[in-house]
């Protein structure tokens, strides 16, 4: 047990170094932000009509799709850049929770269950960015 405590202290010291904290912050923001950039990009062009139809089939007005794309693309890029990290992370977290409850509530379907839990997990990570920010933030 003492070994684990020492290991934890060493890790805390390592990640508290400004260069390490900034690098890890950028990597963490980039990994999470990339999910949204790719999702927003895939809704453009040929994916637009299908996504709009799916939204409509789930009772969500397809007219909201441009806002979804803007949030995913813009929010993802802002998160990666470290621009307004706390605000962007909170908006994306709320979006993930809403998407989980609007589109993935058929928990009898294992894939929908995984998608539901994935959205909640991403929201949890985004809430950590909301709470702690993302090192090397631009603003």
C-alpha atoms as a PDB file:
ATOM      1  CA  UNK A   1       0.000   0.000   0.000  1.00  0.00           C
ATOM      2  CA  UNK A   2       2.854   2.357   0.822  1.00  0.00           C
ATOM      3  CA  UNK A   3       4.259   1.703  -2.649  1.00  0.00           C
ATOM      4  CA  UNK A   4       1.026   2.933  -4.212  1.00  0.00           C
ATOM      5  CA  UNK A   5       1.040   6.075  -2.050  1.00  0.00           C
ATOM      6  CA  UNK A   6       4.605   6.882  -3.095  1.00  0.00           C
ATOM      7  CA  UNK A   7       3.767   6.204  -6.715  1.00  0.00           C
ATOM      8  CA  UNK A   8       0.772   8.532  -6.449  1.00  0.00           C
ATOM      9  CA  UNK A   9       2.907  11.307  -4.920  1.00  0.00           C
ATOM     10  CA  UNK A  10       5.513  10.892  -7.652  1.00  0.00           C
ATOM     11  CA  UNK A  11       2.854  11.088 -10.328  1.00  0.00           C
ATOM     12  CA  UNK A  12       1.310  14.168  -8.709  1.00  0.00           C
ATOM     13  CA  UNK A  13       4.715  15.845  -8.681  1.00  0.00           C
ATOM     14  CA  UNK A  14       5.351  14.931 -12.309  1.00  0.00           C
ATOM     15  CA  UNK A  15       2.025  16.254 -13.621  1.00  0.00           C
ATOM     16  CA  UNK A  16       2.254  19.435 -11.559  1.00  0.00           C
ATOM     17  CA  UNK A  17       5.332  20.537 -13.521  1.00  0.00           C
ATOM     18  CA  UNK A  18       4.110  23.291 -15.872  1.00  0.00           C
ATOM     19  CA  UNK A  19       5.496  21.729 -19.059  1.00  0.00           C
ATOM     20  CA  UNK A  20       3.980  18.345 -18.268  1.00  0.00           C
ATOM     21  CA  UNK A  21       0.655  19.838 -17.190  1.00  0.00           C
ATOM     22  CA  UNK A  22       0.420  21.907 -20.371  1.00  0.00           C
ATOM     23  CA  UNK A  23       1.290  18.974 -22.619  1.00  0.00           C
ATOM     24  CA  UNK A  24      -1.121  16.617 -20.880  1.00  0.00           C
ATOM     25  CA  UNK A  25      -3.844  19.273 -20.917  1.00  0.00           C
ATOM     26  CA  UNK A  26      -3.474  19.725 -24.666  1.00  0.00           C
ATOM     27  CA  UNK A  27      -3.442  15.968 -25.286  1.00  0.00           C
ATOM     28  CA  UNK A  28      -6.525  15.431 -23.105  1.00  0.00           C
ATOM     29  CA  UNK A  29      -8.440  18.299 -24.729  1.00  0.00           C
ATOM     30  CA  UNK A  30      -7.427  17.092 -28.193  1.00  0.00           C
ATOM     31  CA  UNK A  31      -8.547  13.513 -27.589  1.00  0.00           C
ATOM     32  CA  UNK A  32     -11.957  14.631 -26.335  1.00  0.00           C
ATOM     33  CA  UNK A  33     -12.331  17.496 -28.830  1.00  0.00           C
ATOM     34  CA  UNK A  34     -11.556  15.216 -31.769  1.00  0.00           C
ATOM     35  CA  UNK A  35     -14.690  13.178 -31.044  1.00  0.00           C
ATOM     36  CA  UNK A  36     -16.829  16.265 -31.607  1.00  0.00           C
ATOM     37  CA  UNK A  37     -14.929  17.559 -34.644  1.00  0.00           C
ATOM     38  CA  UNK A  38     -15.266  14.211 -36.418  1.00  0.00           C
ATOM     39  CA  UNK A  39     -18.939  13.842 -35.440  1.00  0.00           C
ATOM     40  CA  UNK A  40     -19.750  17.353 -36.675  1.00  0.00           C
ATOM     41  CA  UNK A  41     -17.822  16.832 -39.897  1.00  0.00           C
ATOM     42  CA  UNK A  42     -19.683  13.588 -40.660  1.00  0.00           C
ATOM     43  CA  UNK A  43     -22.999  15.408 -40.363  1.00  0.00           C
ATOM     44  CA  UNK A  44     -22.049  17.710 -43.256  1.00  0.00           C
ATOM     45  CA  UNK A  45     -22.643  16.878 -46.913  1.00  0.00           C
ATOM     46  CA  UNK A  46     -24.064  13.403 -47.502  1.00  0.00           C
ATOM     47  CA  UNK A  47     -24.550  12.793 -43.774  1.00  0.00           C
ATOM     48  CA  UNK A  48     -26.794  15.813 -43.311  1.00  0.00           C
ATOM     49  CA  UNK A  49     -30.047  14.340 -44.625  1.00  0.00           C
ATOM     50  CA  UNK A  50     -29.646  11.073 -42.762  1.00  0.00           C
ATOM     51  CA  UNK A  51     -28.855  12.786 -39.496  1.00  0.00           C
ATOM     52  CA  UNK A  52     -31.770  15.168 -39.897  1.00  0.00           C
ATOM     53  CA  UNK A  53     -34.131  12.268 -40.617  1.00  0.00           C
ATOM     54  CA  UNK A  54     -32.833  10.358 -37.588  1.00  0.00           C
ATOM     55  CA  UNK A  55     -33.360  13.381 -35.364  1.00  0.00           C
ATOM     56  CA  UNK A  56     -36.911  13.766 -36.663  1.00  0.00           C
ATOM     57  CA  UNK A  57     -37.606  10.062 -36.076  1.00  0.00           C
ATOM     58  CA  UNK A  58     -36.592  10.544 -32.437  1.00  0.00           C
ATOM     59  CA  UNK A  59     -38.875  13.561 -32.014  1.00  0.00           C
ATOM     60  CA  UNK A  60     -36.157  16.209 -32.283  1.00  0.00           C
ATOM     61  CA  UNK A  61     -36.705  18.888 -34.944  1.00  0.00           C
ATOM     62  CA  UNK A  62     -34.237  18.477 -37.800  1.00  0.00           C
ATOM     63  CA  UNK A  63     -34.039  22.262 -38.022  1.00  0.00           C
ATOM     64  CA  UNK A  64     -31.745  22.077 -34.963  1.00  0.00           C
ATOM     65  CA  UNK A  65     -29.086  20.164 -36.912  1.00  0.00           C
ATOM     66  CA  UNK A  66     -27.084  23.273 -37.942  1.00  0.00           C
ATOM     67  CA  UNK A  67     -26.796  24.187 -34.249  1.00  0.00           C
ATOM     68  CA  UNK A  68     -25.642  20.657 -33.439  1.00  0.00           C
ATOM     69  CA  UNK A  69     -23.002  20.816 -36.177  1.00  0.00           C
ATOM     70  CA  UNK A  70     -21.861  24.248 -35.004  1.00  0.00           C
ATOM     71  CA  UNK A  71     -21.593  23.041 -31.409  1.00  0.00           C
ATOM     72  CA  UNK A  72     -19.737  19.873 -32.359  1.00  0.00           C
ATOM     73  CA  UNK A  73     -17.318  21.447 -34.832  1.00  0.00           C
ATOM     74  CA  UNK A  74     -16.881  24.787 -33.080  1.00  0.00           C
ATOM     75  CA  UNK A  75     -16.892  23.327 -29.586  1.00  0.00           C
ATOM     76  CA  UNK A  76     -14.488  20.559 -30.515  1.00  0.00           C
ATOM     77  CA  UNK A  77     -12.050  22.989 -32.138  1.00  0.00           C
ATOM     78  CA  UNK A  78     -12.351  25.428 -29.225  1.00  0.00           C
ATOM     79  CA  UNK A  79     -11.675  22.622 -26.758  1.00  0.00           C
ATOM     80  CA  UNK A  80      -8.590  21.518 -28.688  1.00  0.00           C
ATOM     81  CA  UNK A  81      -7.327  25.103 -28.868  1.00  0.00           C
ATOM     82  CA  UNK A  82      -8.000  25.669 -25.179  1.00  0.00           C
ATOM     83  CA  UNK A  83     -10.309  28.582 -25.967  1.00  0.00           C
ATOM     84  CA  UNK A  84     -12.871  29.172 -23.211  1.00  0.00           C
ATOM     85  CA  UNK A  85     -12.298  25.597 -22.068  1.00  0.00           C
ATOM     86  CA  UNK A  86     -14.586  25.672 -19.038  1.00  0.00           C
ATOM     87  CA  UNK A  87     -17.554  27.170 -20.903  1.00  0.00           C
ATOM     88  CA  UNK A  88     -17.135  24.992 -23.990  1.00  0.00           C
ATOM     89  CA  UNK A  89     -16.686  21.866 -21.868  1.00  0.00           C
ATOM     90  CA  UNK A  90     -19.868  22.626 -19.923  1.00  0.00           C
ATOM     91  CA  UNK A  91     -21.882  23.161 -23.118  1.00  0.00           C
ATOM     92  CA  UNK A  92     -20.550  19.946 -24.639  1.00  0.00           C
ATOM     93  CA  UNK A  93     -21.232  18.029 -21.402  1.00  0.00           C
ATOM     94  CA  UNK A  94     -24.850  19.206 -21.402  1.00  0.00           C
ATOM     95  CA  UNK A  95     -25.091  18.264 -25.080  1.00  0.00           C
ATOM     96  CA  UNK A  96     -23.762  14.745 -24.341  1.00  0.00           C
ATOM     97  CA  UNK A  97     -26.257  14.180 -21.538  1.00  0.00           C
ATOM     98  CA  UNK A  98     -29.118  15.476 -23.695  1.00  0.00           C
ATOM     99  CA  UNK A  99     -28.033  13.258 -26.609  1.00  0.00           C
ATOM    100  CA  UNK A 100     -27.844  10.225 -24.311  1.00  0.00           C
ATOM    101  CA  UNK A 101     -31.394  10.733 -23.066  1.00  0.00           C
ATOM    102  CA  UNK A 102     -32.858  11.753 -26.432  1.00  0.00           C
ATOM    103  CA  UNK A 103     -31.252   9.168 -28.698  1.00  0.00           C
ATOM    104  CA  UNK A 104     -29.916   6.235 -26.676  1.00  0.00           C
ATOM    105  CA  UNK A 105     -32.558   5.236 -24.147  1.00  0.00           C
ATOM    106  CA  UNK A 106     -33.375   1.813 -25.591  1.00  0.00           C
ATOM    107  CA  UNK A 107     -31.133   0.158 -23.021  1.00  0.00           C
ATOM    108  CA  UNK A 108     -32.373  -3.308 -23.969  1.00  0.00           C
ATOM    109  CA  UNK A 109     -30.312  -2.855 -27.148  1.00  0.00           C
ATOM    110  CA  UNK A 110     -26.683  -3.449 -26.120  1.00  0.00           C
ATOM    111  CA  UNK A 111     -25.303  -0.972 -28.692  1.00  0.00           C
ATOM    112  CA  UNK A 112     -27.662   1.752 -27.493  1.00  0.00           C
ATOM    113  CA  UNK A 113     -26.677   0.943 -23.922  1.00  0.00           C
ATOM    114  CA  UNK A 114     -23.001   1.383 -24.861  1.00  0.00           C
ATOM    115  CA  UNK A 115     -23.759   4.666 -26.665  1.00  0.00           C
ATOM    116  CA  UNK A 116     -25.727   5.896 -23.645  1.00  0.00           C
ATOM    117  CA  UNK A 117     -22.882   5.088 -21.260  1.00  0.00           C
ATOM    118  CA  UNK A 118     -20.280   6.541 -23.686  1.00  0.00           C
ATOM    119  CA  UNK A 119     -22.132   9.851 -23.753  1.00  0.00           C
ATOM    120  CA  UNK A 120     -22.321   9.941 -19.965  1.00  0.00           C
ATOM    121  CA  UNK A 121     -18.613   9.088 -19.661  1.00  0.00           C
ATOM    122  CA  UNK A 122     -17.643  11.846 -22.102  1.00  0.00           C
ATOM    123  CA  UNK A 123     -19.868  14.249 -20.162  1.00  0.00           C
ATOM    124  CA  UNK A 124     -18.011  13.268 -16.986  1.00  0.00           C
ATOM    125  CA  UNK A 125     -14.654  14.041 -18.580  1.00  0.00           C
ATOM    126  CA  UNK A 126     -15.986  17.338 -19.882  1.00  0.00           C
ATOM    127  CA  UNK A 127     -17.235  18.244 -16.414  1.00  0.00           C
ATOM    128  CA  UNK A 128     -13.677  17.677 -15.151  1.00  0.00           C
ATOM    129  CA  UNK A 129     -12.491  20.238 -17.738  1.00  0.00           C
ATOM    130  CA  UNK A 130     -15.257  22.545 -16.508  1.00  0.00           C
ATOM    131  CA  UNK A 131     -14.057  22.131 -12.944  1.00  0.00           C
ATOM    132  CA  UNK A 132     -10.290  22.200 -13.471  1.00  0.00           C
ATOM    133  CA  UNK A 133      -9.891  23.897 -16.857  1.00  0.00           C
ATOM    134  CA  UNK A 134      -7.403  22.587 -19.361  1.00  0.00           C
ATOM    135  CA  UNK A 135      -3.765  23.528 -18.860  1.00  0.00           C
ATOM    136  CA  UNK A 136      -2.286  25.750 -21.579  1.00  0.00           C
ATOM    137  CA  UNK A 137      -5.660  27.413 -22.115  1.00  0.00           C
ATOM    138  CA  UNK A 138      -5.779  30.284 -24.583  1.00  0.00           C
ATOM    139  CA  UNK A 139      -8.660  31.918 -22.743  1.00  0.00           C
END
